[in-house]
PDB file of N, CA and C in Angstrom:
ATOM      1  N   MET A   1     -45.856  67.838 -62.153  1.00  0.00           N
ATOM      2  CA  MET A   1     -46.198  67.653 -60.761  1.00  0.00           C
ATOM      3  C   MET A   1     -45.296  66.595 -60.110  1.00  0.00           C
ATOM      4  N   GLN A   2     -45.022  65.531 -60.836  1.00  0.00           N
ATOM      5  CA  GLN A   2     -44.171  64.478 -60.288  1.00  0.00           C
ATOM      6  C   GLN A   2     -42.765  65.003 -60.011  1.00  0.00           C
ATOM      7  N   ARG A   3     -42.276  65.895 -60.869  1.00  0.00           N
ATOM      8  CA  ARG A   3     -40.945  66.464 -60.660  1.00  0.00           C
ATOM      9  C   ARG A   3     -40.897  67.299 -59.374  1.00  0.00           C
ATOM     10  N   VAL A   4     -41.951  68.027 -59.118  1.00  0.00           N
ATOM     11  CA  VAL A   4     -42.013  68.848 -57.906  1.00  0.00           C
ATOM     12  C   VAL A   4     -42.003  67.951 -56.669  1.00  0.00           C
ATOM     13  N   VAL A   5     -42.802  66.908 -56.697  1.00  0.00           N
ATOM     14  CA  VAL A   5     -42.867  65.974 -55.566  1.00  0.00           C
ATOM     15  C   VAL A   5     -41.514  65.297 -55.376  1.00  0.00           C
ATOM     16  N   LEU A   6     -40.918  64.858 -56.472  1.00  0.00           N
ATOM     17  CA  LEU A   6     -39.612  64.207 -56.414  1.00  0.00           C
ATOM     18  C   LEU A   6     -38.557  65.164 -55.858  1.00  0.00           C
ATOM     19  N   SER A   7     -38.591  66.403 -56.286  1.00  0.00           N
ATOM     20  CA  SER A   7     -37.645  67.416 -55.796  1.00  0.00           C
ATOM     21  C   SER A   7     -37.817  67.644 -54.295  1.00  0.00           C
ATOM     22  N   VAL A   8     -39.042  67.741 -53.843  1.00  0.00           N
ATOM     23  CA  VAL A   8     -39.326  67.943 -52.419  1.00  0.00           C
ATOM     24  C   VAL A   8     -38.831  66.743 -51.607  1.00  0.00           C
ATOM     25  N   VAL A   9     -39.064  65.542 -52.115  1.00  0.00           N
ATOM     26  CA  VAL A   9     -38.613  64.337 -51.422  1.00  0.00           C
ATOM     27  C   VAL A   9     -37.095  64.307 -51.339  1.00  0.00           C
ATOM     28  N   LEU A  10     -36.419  64.619 -52.437  1.00  0.00           N
ATOM     29  CA  LEU A  10     -34.950  64.631 -52.438  1.00  0.00           C
ATOM     30  C   LEU A  10     -34.392  65.674 -51.481  1.00  0.00           C
ATOM     31  N   ILE A  11     -34.935  66.862 -51.523  1.00  0.00           N
ATOM     32  CA  ILE A  11     -34.468  67.930 -50.628  1.00  0.00           C
ATOM     33  C   ILE A  11     -34.719  67.544 -49.172  1.00  0.00           C
ATOM     34  N   SER A  12     -35.873  66.988 -48.895  1.00  0.00           N
ATOM     35  CA  SER A  12     -36.192  66.553 -47.535  1.00  0.00           C
ATOM     36  C   SER A  12     -35.239  65.454 -47.081  1.00  0.00           C
ATOM     37  N   SER A  13     -34.938  64.536 -47.974  1.00  0.00           N
ATOM     38  CA  SER A  13     -34.025  63.441 -47.642  1.00  0.00           C
ATOM     39  C   SER A  13     -32.640  63.965 -47.298  1.00  0.00           C
ATOM     40  N   VAL A  14     -32.136  64.892 -48.095  1.00  0.00           N
ATOM     41  CA  VAL A  14     -30.820  65.480 -47.842  1.00  0.00           C
ATOM     42  C   VAL A  14     -30.836  66.211 -46.502  1.00  0.00           C
ATOM     43  N   PHE A  15     -31.895  66.953 -46.245  1.00  0.00           N
ATOM     44  CA  PHE A  15     -32.015  67.686 -44.989  1.00  0.00           C
ATOM     45  C   PHE A  15     -32.033  66.724 -43.801  1.00  0.00           C
ATOM     46  N   LEU A  16     -32.814  65.669 -43.907  1.00  0.00           N
ATOM     47  CA  LEU A  16     -32.905  64.693 -42.820  1.00  0.00           C
ATOM     48  C   LEU A  16     -31.587  63.968 -42.604  1.00  0.00           C
ATOM     49  N   MET A  17     -30.875  63.665 -43.673  1.00  0.00           N
ATOM     50  CA  MET A  17     -29.575  63.016 -43.533  1.00  0.00           C
ATOM     51  C   MET A  17     -28.603  63.923 -42.796  1.00  0.00           C
ATOM     52  N   ALA A  18     -28.639  65.213 -43.088  1.00  0.00           N
ATOM     53  CA  ALA A  18     -27.764  66.167 -42.415  1.00  0.00           C
ATOM     54  C   ALA A  18     -28.107  66.240 -40.933  1.00  0.00           C
ATOM     55  N   CYS A  19     -29.380  66.244 -40.622  1.00  0.00           N
ATOM     56  CA  CYS A  19     -29.804  66.266 -39.213  1.00  0.00           C
ATOM     57  C   CYS A  19     -29.352  65.004 -38.508  1.00  0.00           C
ATOM     58  N   ASN A  20     -29.500  63.879 -39.150  1.00  0.00           N
ATOM     59  CA  ASN A  20     -29.107  62.607 -38.562  1.00  0.00           C
ATOM     60  C   ASN A  20     -27.609  62.573 -38.312  1.00  0.00           C
ATOM     61  N   SER A  21     -26.823  63.147 -39.204  1.00  0.00           N
ATOM     62  CA  SER A  21     -25.373  63.184 -39.051  1.00  0.00           C
ATOM     63  C   SER A  21     -24.994  63.984 -37.812  1.00  0.00           C
ATOM     64  N   GLU A  22     -25.652  65.129 -37.592  1.00  0.00           N
ATOM     65  CA  GLU A  22     -25.373  65.938 -36.412  1.00  0.00           C
ATOM     66  C   GLU A  22     -25.762  65.191 -35.152  1.00  0.00           C
ATOM     67  N   ASP A  23     -26.912  64.507 -35.155  1.00  0.00           N
ATOM     68  CA  ASP A  23     -27.337  63.728 -33.995  1.00  0.00           C
ATOM     69  C   ASP A  23     -26.347  62.611 -33.716  1.00  0.00           C
ATOM     70  N   SER A  24     -25.857  62.007 -34.763  1.00  0.00           N
ATOM     71  CA  SER A  24     -24.897  60.921 -34.620  1.00  0.00           C
ATOM     72  C   SER A  24     -23.642  61.410 -33.926  1.00  0.00           C
ATOM     73  N   GLN A  25     -23.177  62.586 -34.331  1.00  0.00           N
ATOM     74  CA  GLN A  25     -21.986  63.140 -33.721  1.00  0.00           C
ATOM     75  C   GLN A  25     -22.248  63.443 -32.253  1.00  0.00           C
ATOM     76  N   SER A  26     -23.408  64.016 -31.924  1.00  0.00           N
ATOM     77  CA  SER A  26     -23.754  64.304 -30.535  1.00  0.00           C
ATOM     78  C   SER A  26     -23.829  63.028 -29.728  1.00  0.00           C
ATOM     79  N   ASN A  27     -24.453  61.995 -30.288  1.00  0.00           N
ATOM     80  CA  ASN A  27     -24.549  60.721 -29.584  1.00  0.00           C
ATOM     81  C   ASN A  27     -23.177  60.137 -29.345  1.00  0.00           C
ATOM     82  N   SER A  28     -22.287  60.249 -30.316  1.00  0.00           N
ATOM     83  CA  SER A  28     -20.930  59.739 -30.181  1.00  0.00           C
ATOM     84  C   SER A  28     -20.206  60.471 -29.062  1.00  0.00           C
ATOM     85  N   GLU A  29     -20.345  61.801 -29.022  1.00  0.00           N
ATOM     86  CA  GLU A  29     -19.713  62.578 -27.969  1.00  0.00           C
ATOM     87  C   GLU A  29     -20.293  62.218 -26.607  1.00  0.00           C
ATOM     88  N   SER A  30     -21.608  62.016 -26.528  1.00  0.00           N
ATOM     89  CA  SER A  30     -22.241  61.633 -25.268  1.00  0.00           C
ATOM     90  C   SER A  30     -21.736  60.275 -24.806  1.00  0.00           C
ATOM     91  N   THR A  31     -21.624  59.339 -25.726  1.00  0.00           N
ATOM     92  CA  THR A  31     -21.141  58.008 -25.388  1.00  0.00           C
ATOM     93  C   THR A  31     -19.713  58.085 -24.884  1.00  0.00           C
ATOM     94  N   GLN A  32     -18.876  58.894 -25.530  1.00  0.00           N
ATOM     95  CA  GLN A  32     -17.497  59.021 -25.093  1.00  0.00           C
ATOM     96  C   GLN A  32     -17.422  59.628 -23.704  1.00  0.00           C
ATOM     97  N   THR A  33     -18.266  60.606 -23.415  1.00  0.00           N
ATOM     98  CA  THR A  33     -18.273  61.221 -22.108  1.00  0.00           C
ATOM     99  C   THR A  33     -18.688  60.213 -21.049  1.00  0.00           C
ATOM    100  N   VAL A  34     -19.699  59.414 -21.326  1.00  0.00           N
ATOM    101  CA  VAL A  34     -20.157  58.401 -20.378  1.00  0.00           C
ATOM    102  C   VAL A  34     -19.059  57.386 -20.120  1.00  0.00           C
ATOM    103  N   LYS A  35     -18.315  57.005 -21.153  1.00  0.00           N
ATOM    104  CA  LYS A  35     -17.254  56.013 -21.006  1.00  0.00           C
ATOM    105  C   LYS A  35     -15.991  56.614 -20.397  1.00  0.00           C
ATOM    106  N   GLY A  36     -15.990  57.905 -20.083  1.00  0.00           N
ATOM    107  CA  GLY A  36     -14.832  58.536 -19.495  1.00  0.00           C
ATOM    108  C   GLY A  36     -13.787  58.932 -20.523  1.00  0.00           C
ATOM    109  N   LEU A  37     -14.179  59.048 -21.787  1.00  0.00           N
ATOM    110  CA  LEU A  37     -13.242  59.358 -22.836  1.00  0.00           C
ATOM    111  C   LEU A  37     -13.325  60.807 -23.268  1.00  0.00           C
ATOM    112  N   SER A  38     -13.973  61.613 -22.492  1.00  0.00           N
ATOM    113  CA  SER A  38     -14.144  63.015 -22.841  1.00  0.00           C
ATOM    114  C   SER A  38     -12.797  63.714 -22.834  1.00  0.00           C
ATOM    115  N   SER A  39     -12.642  64.674 -23.708  1.00  0.00           N
ATOM    116  CA  SER A  39     -11.395  65.420 -23.762  1.00  0.00           C
ATOM    117  C   SER A  39     -11.337  66.479 -22.662  1.00  0.00           C
ATOM    118  N   HIS A  40     -12.433  66.682 -21.969  1.00  0.00           N
ATOM    119  CA  HIS A  40     -12.461  67.656 -20.876  1.00  0.00           C
ATOM    120  C   HIS A  40     -11.778  67.066 -19.645  1.00  0.00           C
ATOM    121  N   THR A  41     -11.028  67.896 -18.965  1.00  0.00           N
ATOM    122  CA  THR A  41     -10.346  67.451 -17.763  1.00  0.00           C
ATOM    123  C   THR A  41     -11.321  67.481 -16.599  1.00  0.00           C
ATOM    124  N   SER A  42     -11.366  66.394 -15.838  1.00  0.00           N
ATOM    125  CA  SER A  42     -12.252  66.363 -14.682  1.00  0.00           C
ATOM    126  C   SER A  42     -11.483  66.794 -13.443  1.00  0.00           C
ATOM    127  N   VAL A  43     -12.207  67.208 -12.446  1.00  0.00           N
ATOM    128  CA  VAL A  43     -11.611  67.626 -11.189  1.00  0.00           C
ATOM    129  C   VAL A  43     -11.207  66.375 -10.414  1.00  0.00           C
ATOM    130  N   PRO A  44      -9.946  66.289 -10.001  1.00  0.00           N
ATOM    131  CA  PRO A  44      -9.520  65.097  -9.266  1.00  0.00           C
ATOM    132  C   PRO A  44     -10.221  64.992  -7.910  1.00  0.00           C
ATOM    133  N   GLN A  45     -10.453  63.751  -7.499  1.00  0.00           N
ATOM    134  CA  GLN A  45     -11.060  63.503  -6.197  1.00  0.00           C
ATOM    135  C   GLN A  45     -10.009  63.704  -5.109  1.00  0.00           C
ATOM    136  N   SER A  46     -10.449  64.091  -3.946  1.00  0.00           N
ATOM    137  CA  SER A  46      -9.537  64.218  -2.812  1.00  0.00           C
ATOM    138  C   SER A  46      -9.202  62.831  -2.292  1.00  0.00           C
ATOM    139  N   GLY A  47      -8.124  62.743  -1.531  1.00  0.00           N
ATOM    140  CA  GLY A  47      -7.758  61.474  -0.913  1.00  0.00           C
ATOM    141  C   GLY A  47      -8.863  60.953  -0.013  1.00  0.00           C
ATOM    142  N   GLU A  48      -9.511  61.847   0.695  1.00  0.00           N
ATOM    143  CA  GLU A  48     -10.607  61.457   1.581  1.00  0.00           C
ATOM    144  C   GLU A  48     -11.776  60.883   0.779  1.00  0.00           C
ATOM    145  N   ALA A  49     -12.088  61.502  -0.364  1.00  0.00           N
ATOM    146  CA  ALA A  49     -13.198  61.025  -1.194  1.00  0.00           C
ATOM    147  C   ALA A  49     -12.895  59.645  -1.779  1.00  0.00           C
ATOM    148  N   VAL A  50     -11.663  59.438  -2.239  1.00  0.00           N
ATOM    149  CA  VAL A  50     -11.281  58.127  -2.779  1.00  0.00           C
ATOM    150  C   VAL A  50     -11.348  57.085  -1.669  1.00  0.00           C
ATOM    151  N   TYR A  51     -10.815  57.436  -0.497  1.00  0.00           N
ATOM    152  CA  TYR A  51     -10.853  56.505   0.638  1.00  0.00           C
ATOM    153  C   TYR A  51     -12.299  56.134   0.976  1.00  0.00           C
ATOM    154  N   ALA A  52     -13.155  57.126   1.065  1.00  0.00           N
ATOM    155  CA  ALA A  52     -14.550  56.884   1.451  1.00  0.00           C
ATOM    156  C   ALA A  52     -15.288  56.037   0.428  1.00  0.00           C
ATOM    157  N   SER A  53     -14.971  56.203  -0.853  1.00  0.00           N
ATOM    158  CA  SER A  53     -15.716  55.472  -1.884  1.00  0.00           C
ATOM    159  C   SER A  53     -15.135  54.109  -2.219  1.00  0.00           C
ATOM    160  N   LYS A  54     -13.839  53.905  -2.009  1.00  0.00           N
ATOM    161  CA  LYS A  54     -13.225  52.634  -2.427  1.00  0.00           C
ATOM    162  C   LYS A  54     -12.437  51.925  -1.331  1.00  0.00           C
ATOM    163  N   CYS A  55     -11.592  52.631  -0.633  1.00  0.00           N
ATOM    164  CA  CYS A  55     -10.653  52.004   0.299  1.00  0.00           C
ATOM    165  C   CYS A  55     -11.297  51.540   1.604  1.00  0.00           C
ATOM    166  N   ARG A  56     -12.268  52.301   2.041  1.00  0.00           N
ATOM    167  CA  ARG A  56     -12.896  52.082   3.342  1.00  0.00           C
ATOM    168  C   ARG A  56     -13.446  50.663   3.520  1.00  0.00           C
ATOM    169  N   ALA A  57     -14.001  50.106   2.471  1.00  0.00           N
ATOM    170  CA  ALA A  57     -14.643  48.786   2.570  1.00  0.00           C
ATOM    171  C   ALA A  57     -13.699  47.730   3.136  1.00  0.00           C
ATOM    172  N   CYS A  58     -12.441  47.781   2.787  1.00  0.00           N
ATOM    173  CA  CYS A  58     -11.472  46.797   3.305  1.00  0.00           C
ATOM    174  C   CYS A  58     -10.648  47.341   4.464  1.00  0.00           C
ATOM    175  N   HIS A  59     -10.188  48.590   4.348  1.00  0.00           N
ATOM    176  CA  HIS A  59      -9.252  49.121   5.344  1.00  0.00           C
ATOM    177  C   HIS A  59      -9.910  49.523   6.662  1.00  0.00           C
ATOM    178  N   ASP A  60     -11.203  49.729   6.702  1.00  0.00           N
ATOM    179  CA  ASP A  60     -11.868  50.001   7.982  1.00  0.00           C
ATOM    180  C   ASP A  60     -11.975  48.737   8.835  1.00  0.00           C
ATOM    181  N   TYR A  61     -12.016  47.581   8.174  1.00  0.00           N
ATOM    182  CA  TYR A  61     -12.273  46.329   8.892  1.00  0.00           C
ATOM    183  C   TYR A  61     -11.146  45.311   8.794  1.00  0.00           C
ATOM    184  N   GLY A  62     -10.095  45.624   8.042  1.00  0.00           N
ATOM    185  CA  GLY A  62      -8.980  44.693   7.901  1.00  0.00           C
ATOM    186  C   GLY A  62      -9.320  43.487   7.034  1.00  0.00           C
ATOM    187  N   VAL A  63     -10.198  43.655   6.079  1.00  0.00           N
ATOM    188  CA  VAL A  63     -10.633  42.566   5.205  1.00  0.00           C
ATOM    189  C   VAL A  63      -9.441  41.994   4.443  1.00  0.00           C
ATOM    190  N   ALA A  64      -9.331  40.668   4.419  1.00  0.00           N
ATOM    191  CA  ALA A  64      -8.289  39.933   3.678  1.00  0.00           C
ATOM    192  C   ALA A  64      -6.884  40.407   4.030  1.00  0.00           C
ATOM    193  N   GLY A  65      -6.699  40.808   5.280  1.00  0.00           N
ATOM    194  CA  GLY A  65      -5.372  41.222   5.738  1.00  0.00           C
ATOM    195  C   GLY A  65      -5.010  42.667   5.439  1.00  0.00           C
ATOM    196  N   ALA A  66      -5.963  43.455   4.985  1.00  0.00           N
ATOM    197  CA  ALA A  66      -5.687  44.872   4.705  1.00  0.00           C
ATOM    198  C   ALA A  66      -5.322  45.583   6.004  1.00  0.00           C
ATOM    199  N   PRO A  67      -4.269  46.399   5.988  1.00  0.00           N
ATOM    200  CA  PRO A  67      -3.933  47.151   7.207  1.00  0.00           C
ATOM    201  C   PRO A  67      -5.067  48.116   7.536  1.00  0.00           C
ATOM    202  N   ARG A  68      -5.482  48.090   8.797  1.00  0.00           N
ATOM    203  CA  ARG A  68      -6.640  48.899   9.200  1.00  0.00           C
ATOM    204  C   ARG A  68      -6.310  50.379   9.252  1.00  0.00           C
ATOM    205  N   TYR A  69      -7.264  51.146   8.786  1.00  0.00           N
ATOM    206  CA  TYR A  69      -7.195  52.597   8.845  1.00  0.00           C
ATOM    207  C   TYR A  69      -7.044  53.005  10.306  1.00  0.00           C
ATOM    208  N   GLY A  70      -6.089  53.877  10.578  1.00  0.00           N
ATOM    209  CA  GLY A  70      -5.888  54.362  11.935  1.00  0.00           C
ATOM    210  C   GLY A  70      -4.858  53.576  12.725  1.00  0.00           C
ATOM    211  N   SER A  71      -4.409  52.433  12.214  1.00  0.00           N
ATOM    212  CA  SER A  71      -3.431  51.607  12.920  1.00  0.00           C
ATOM    213  C   SER A  71      -2.023  52.133  12.651  1.00  0.00           C
ATOM    214  N   SER A  72      -1.512  52.907  13.584  1.00  0.00           N
ATOM    215  CA  SER A  72      -0.207  53.535  13.386  1.00  0.00           C
ATOM    216  C   SER A  72       0.906  52.498  13.227  1.00  0.00           C
ATOM    217  N   GLU A  73       0.831  51.413  13.951  1.00  0.00           N
ATOM    218  CA  GLU A  73       1.871  50.385  13.881  1.00  0.00           C
ATOM    219  C   GLU A  73       1.921  49.722  12.497  1.00  0.00           C
ATOM    220  N   LEU A  74       0.774  49.315  11.992  1.00  0.00           N
ATOM    221  CA  LEU A  74       0.733  48.650  10.688  1.00  0.00           C
ATOM    222  C   LEU A  74       1.167  49.574   9.555  1.00  0.00           C
ATOM    223  N   TRP A  75       0.728  50.835   9.613  1.00  0.00           N
ATOM    224  CA  TRP A  75       1.088  51.765   8.547  1.00  0.00           C
ATOM    225  C   TRP A  75       2.528  52.231   8.669  1.00  0.00           C
ATOM    226  N   ALA A  76       3.070  52.292   9.884  1.00  0.00           N
ATOM    227  CA  ALA A  76       4.487  52.654  10.066  1.00  0.00           C
ATOM    228  C   ALA A  76       5.376  51.580   9.437  1.00  0.00           C
ATOM    229  N   GLN A  77       4.998  50.309   9.589  1.00  0.00           N
ATOM    230  CA  GLN A  77       5.764  49.218   8.968  1.00  0.00           C
ATOM    231  C   GLN A  77       5.782  49.375   7.447  1.00  0.00           C
ATOM    232  N   ARG A  78       4.673  49.721   6.870  1.00  0.00           N
ATOM    233  CA  ARG A  78       4.598  49.881   5.419  1.00  0.00           C
ATOM    234  C   ARG A  78       5.317  51.146   4.958  1.00  0.00           C
ATOM    235  N   SER A  79       5.211  52.200   5.725  1.00  0.00           N
ATOM    236  CA  SER A  79       5.876  53.461   5.381  1.00  0.00           C
ATOM    237  C   SER A  79       7.397  53.331   5.449  1.00  0.00           C
ATOM    238  N   ALA A  80       7.884  52.443   6.302  1.00  0.00           N
ATOM    239  CA  ALA A  80       9.328  52.243   6.449  1.00  0.00           C
ATOM    240  C   ALA A  80       9.969  51.760   5.144  1.00  0.00           C
ATOM    241  N   LYS A  81       9.194  51.130   4.285  1.00  0.00           N
ATOM    242  CA  LYS A  81       9.704  50.658   2.989  1.00  0.00           C
ATOM    243  C   LYS A  81       9.865  51.807   1.993  1.00  0.00           C
ATOM    244  N   GLY A  82       9.304  52.932   2.326  1.00  0.00           N
ATOM    245  CA  GLY A  82       9.386  54.106   1.453  1.00  0.00           C
ATOM    246  C   GLY A  82       8.035  54.422   0.842  1.00  0.00           C
ATOM    247  N   LEU A  83       7.802  55.688   0.710  1.00  0.00           N
ATOM    248  CA  LEU A  83       6.525  56.160   0.183  1.00  0.00           C
ATOM    249  C   LEU A  83       6.312  55.714  -1.260  1.00  0.00           C
ATOM    250  N   ASP A  84       7.396  55.696  -2.058  1.00  0.00           N
ATOM    251  CA  ASP A  84       7.256  55.270  -3.458  1.00  0.00           C
ATOM    252  C   ASP A  84       6.797  53.815  -3.556  1.00  0.00           C
ATOM    253  N   VAL A  85       7.306  52.948  -2.679  1.00  0.00           N
ATOM    254  CA  VAL A  85       6.888  51.538  -2.672  1.00  0.00           C
ATOM    255  C   VAL A  85       5.420  51.446  -2.285  1.00  0.00           C
ATOM    256  N   LEU A  86       5.025  52.204  -1.306  1.00  0.00           N
ATOM    257  CA  LEU A  86       3.635  52.202  -0.859  1.00  0.00           C
ATOM    258  C   LEU A  86       2.703  52.685  -1.977  1.00  0.00           C
ATOM    259  N   TYR A  87       3.105  53.747  -2.674  1.00  0.00           N
ATOM    260  CA  TYR A  87       2.313  54.236  -3.804  1.00  0.00           C
ATOM    261  C   TYR A  87       2.208  53.170  -4.898  1.00  0.00           C
ATOM    262  N   GLN A  88       3.337  52.572  -5.269  1.00  0.00           N
ATOM    263  CA  GLN A  88       3.328  51.577  -6.345  1.00  0.00           C
ATOM    264  C   GLN A  88       2.496  50.350  -5.977  1.00  0.00           C
ATOM    265  N   ASN A  89       2.581  49.898  -4.732  1.00  0.00           N
ATOM    266  CA  ASN A  89       1.750  48.767  -4.295  1.00  0.00           C
ATOM    267  C   ASN A  89       0.267  49.124  -4.384  1.00  0.00           C
ATOM    268  N   SER A  90      -0.052  50.360  -4.062  1.00  0.00           N
ATOM    269  CA  SER A  90      -1.445  50.801  -4.123  1.00  0.00           C
ATOM    270  C   SER A  90      -1.937  50.903  -5.565  1.00  0.00           C
ATOM    271  N   ILE A  91      -1.065  51.319  -6.447  1.00  0.00           N
ATOM    272  CA  ILE A  91      -1.436  51.467  -7.859  1.00  0.00           C
ATOM    273  C   ILE A  91      -1.487  50.109  -8.553  1.00  0.00           C
ATOM    274  N   ARG A  92      -0.503  49.271  -8.308  1.00  0.00           N
ATOM    275  CA  ARG A  92      -0.413  47.972  -8.992  1.00  0.00           C
ATOM    276  C   ARG A  92      -1.206  46.867  -8.303  1.00  0.00           C
ATOM    277  N   GLY A  93      -1.433  47.038  -7.010  1.00  0.00           N
ATOM    278  CA  GLY A  93      -2.095  45.992  -6.230  1.00  0.00           C
ATOM    279  C   GLY A  93      -1.050  45.138  -5.536  1.00  0.00           C
ATOM    280  N   ILE A  94      -1.444  44.538  -4.440  1.00  0.00           N
ATOM    281  CA  ILE A  94      -0.540  43.676  -3.677  1.00  0.00           C
ATOM    282  C   ILE A  94      -1.383  42.677  -2.890  1.00  0.00           C
ATOM    283  N   ARG A  95      -0.938  41.441  -2.868  1.00  0.00           N
ATOM    284  CA  ARG A  95      -1.673  40.337  -2.238  1.00  0.00           C
ATOM    285  C   ARG A  95      -3.154  40.369  -2.652  1.00  0.00           C
ATOM    286  N   ALA A  96      -4.071  40.448  -1.704  1.00  0.00           N
ATOM    287  CA  ALA A  96      -5.506  40.401  -2.036  1.00  0.00           C
ATOM    288  C   ALA A  96      -6.048  41.740  -2.564  1.00  0.00           C
ATOM    289  N   MET A  97      -5.256  42.799  -2.439  1.00  0.00           N
ATOM    290  CA  MET A  97      -5.719  44.111  -2.895  1.00  0.00           C
ATOM    291  C   MET A  97      -5.573  44.220  -4.413  1.00  0.00           C
ATOM    292  N   PRO A  98      -6.676  44.536  -5.102  1.00  0.00           N
ATOM    293  CA  PRO A  98      -6.593  44.701  -6.558  1.00  0.00           C
ATOM    294  C   PRO A  98      -5.869  46.002  -6.912  1.00  0.00           C
ATOM    295  N   ALA A  99      -5.423  46.099  -8.135  1.00  0.00           N
ATOM    296  CA  ALA A  99      -4.798  47.329  -8.607  1.00  0.00           C
ATOM    297  C   ALA A  99      -5.729  48.502  -8.326  1.00  0.00           C
ATOM    298  N   ARG A 100      -5.143  49.586  -7.878  1.00  0.00           N
ATOM    299  CA  ARG A 100      -5.872  50.825  -7.576  1.00  0.00           C
ATOM    300  C   ARG A 100      -6.974  50.622  -6.533  1.00  0.00           C
ATOM    301  N   GLY A 101      -6.864  49.554  -5.772  1.00  0.00           N
ATOM    302  CA  GLY A 101      -7.873  49.280  -4.754  1.00  0.00           C
ATOM    303  C   GLY A 101      -9.260  49.113  -5.347  1.00  0.00           C
ATOM    304  N   GLY A 102      -9.296  48.793  -6.649  1.00  0.00           N
ATOM    305  CA  GLY A 102     -10.575  48.624  -7.326  1.00  0.00           C
ATOM    306  C   GLY A 102     -11.112  49.910  -7.934  1.00  0.00           C
ATOM    307  N   CYS A 103     -10.424  51.017  -7.732  1.00  0.00           N
ATOM    308  CA  CYS A 103     -10.862  52.298  -8.301  1.00  0.00           C
ATOM    309  C   CYS A 103     -10.181  52.484  -9.655  1.00  0.00           C
ATOM    310  N   TYR A 104     -10.689  51.791 -10.655  1.00  0.00           N
ATOM    311  CA  TYR A 104     -10.041  51.777 -11.969  1.00  0.00           C
ATOM    312  C   TYR A 104     -10.165  53.096 -12.712  1.00  0.00           C
ATOM    313  N   THR A 105     -11.045  53.958 -12.276  1.00  0.00           N
ATOM    314  CA  THR A 105     -11.166  55.274 -12.903  1.00  0.00           C
ATOM    315  C   THR A 105     -10.303  56.317 -12.205  1.00  0.00           C
ATOM    316  N   CYS A 106      -9.697  55.948 -11.093  1.00  0.00           N
ATOM    317  CA  CYS A 106      -8.849  56.886 -10.349  1.00  0.00           C
ATOM    318  C   CYS A 106      -7.494  57.038 -11.033  1.00  0.00           C
ATOM    319  N   SER A 107      -7.001  58.251 -11.046  1.00  0.00           N
ATOM    320  CA  SER A 107      -5.667  58.523 -11.576  1.00  0.00           C
ATOM    321  C   SER A 107      -4.622  58.121 -10.534  1.00  0.00           C
ATOM    322  N   ASP A 108      -3.368  58.054 -10.964  1.00  0.00           N
ATOM    323  CA  ASP A 108      -2.281  57.767 -10.021  1.00  0.00           C
ATOM    324  C   ASP A 108      -2.263  58.804  -8.906  1.00  0.00           C
ATOM    325  N   GLU A 109      -2.502  60.063  -9.261  1.00  0.00           N
ATOM    326  CA  GLU A 109      -2.481  61.132  -8.262  1.00  0.00           C
ATOM    327  C   GLU A 109      -3.592  60.952  -7.229  1.00  0.00           C
ATOM    328  N   GLU A 110      -4.753  60.496  -7.670  1.00  0.00           N
ATOM    329  CA  GLU A 110      -5.864  60.267  -6.731  1.00  0.00           C
ATOM    330  C   GLU A 110      -5.546  59.099  -5.798  1.00  0.00           C
ATOM    331  N   ILE A 111      -4.924  58.054  -6.330  1.00  0.00           N
ATOM    332  CA  ILE A 111      -4.530  56.918  -5.487  1.00  0.00           C
ATOM    333  C   ILE A 111      -3.493  57.374  -4.462  1.00  0.00           C
ATOM    334  N   LYS A 112      -2.519  58.148  -4.909  1.00  0.00           N
ATOM    335  CA  LYS A 112      -1.494  58.666  -3.998  1.00  0.00           C
ATOM    336  C   LYS A 112      -2.127  59.558  -2.932  1.00  0.00           C
ATOM    337  N   ALA A 113      -3.109  60.356  -3.313  1.00  0.00           N
ATOM    338  CA  ALA A 113      -3.802  61.220  -2.344  1.00  0.00           C
ATOM    339  C   ALA A 113      -4.528  60.378  -1.302  1.00  0.00           C
ATOM    340  N   ALA A 114      -5.102  59.244  -1.728  1.00  0.00           N
ATOM    341  CA  ALA A 114      -5.784  58.356  -0.782  1.00  0.00           C
ATOM    342  C   ALA A 114      -4.774  57.747   0.191  1.00  0.00           C
ATOM    343  N   VAL A 115      -3.614  57.346  -0.327  1.00  0.00           N
ATOM    344  CA  VAL A 115      -2.551  56.799   0.536  1.00  0.00           C
ATOM    345  C   VAL A 115      -2.116  57.864   1.532  1.00  0.00           C
ATOM    346  N   ASP A 116      -1.892  59.075   1.057  1.00  0.00           N
ATOM    347  CA  ASP A 116      -1.495  60.178   1.951  1.00  0.00           C
ATOM    348  C   ASP A 116      -2.553  60.421   3.021  1.00  0.00           C
ATOM    349  N   TYR A 117      -3.808  60.354   2.637  1.00  0.00           N
ATOM    350  CA  TYR A 117      -4.915  60.544   3.580  1.00  0.00           C
ATOM    351  C   TYR A 117      -4.887  59.453   4.666  1.00  0.00           C
ATOM    352  N   ILE A 118      -4.704  58.210   4.242  1.00  0.00           N
ATOM    353  CA  ILE A 118      -4.643  57.095   5.205  1.00  0.00           C
ATOM    354  C   ILE A 118      -3.466  57.289   6.160  1.00  0.00           C
ATOM    355  N   LEU A 119      -2.303  57.607   5.605  1.00  0.00           N
ATOM    356  CA  LEU A 119      -1.110  57.780   6.445  1.00  0.00           C
ATOM    357  C   LEU A 119      -1.275  58.928   7.438  1.00  0.00           C
ATOM    358  N   ALA A 120      -1.824  60.043   6.969  1.00  0.00           N
ATOM    359  CA  ALA A 120      -2.011  61.205   7.847  1.00  0.00           C
ATOM    360  C   ALA A 120      -2.959  60.888   9.006  1.00  0.00           C
ATOM    361  N   ASN A 121      -3.882  59.970   8.779  1.00  0.00           N
ATOM    362  CA  ASN A 121      -4.857  59.616   9.818  1.00  0.00           C
ATOM    363  C   ASN A 121      -4.536  58.307  10.531  1.00  0.00           C
ATOM    364  N   SER A 122      -3.324  57.832  10.335  1.00  0.00           N
ATOM    365  CA  SER A 122      -2.910  56.575  10.982  1.00  0.00           C
ATOM    366  C   SER A 122      -1.574  56.761  11.683  1.00  0.00           C
ATOM    367  N   GLN A 123      -1.389  57.913  12.309  1.00  0.00           N
ATOM    368  CA  GLN A 123      -0.130  58.180  13.019  1.00  0.00           C
ATOM    369  C   GLN A 123      -0.309  58.119  14.509  1.00  0.00           C
TER     370      GLN A 123
END
């Protein structure tokens, strides 16, 4: 009788360990997805969406010297330096503006789209 009980306990233990291993893998994948480390490609945000969620807070009001959205004169001065310079300043940060305007999850393409959106609406 003891052998039967011992066998059942061992088999149950092995089964539970296997279940726990699968849960562990699922939890690991969930954690990676939450941290933005998923291998799945996400849909890039539009320039308007990036502007609305990150850029607007400073550029709508000129906070800390940020050129105001819609100001054709201020944006023309910056555009005169070249679009590549404007993109790089937006990605790396300049003066009081943090790198990527604080949108650390945004790709370079999303930042560039936000710059394009601002320029298109500041002419």
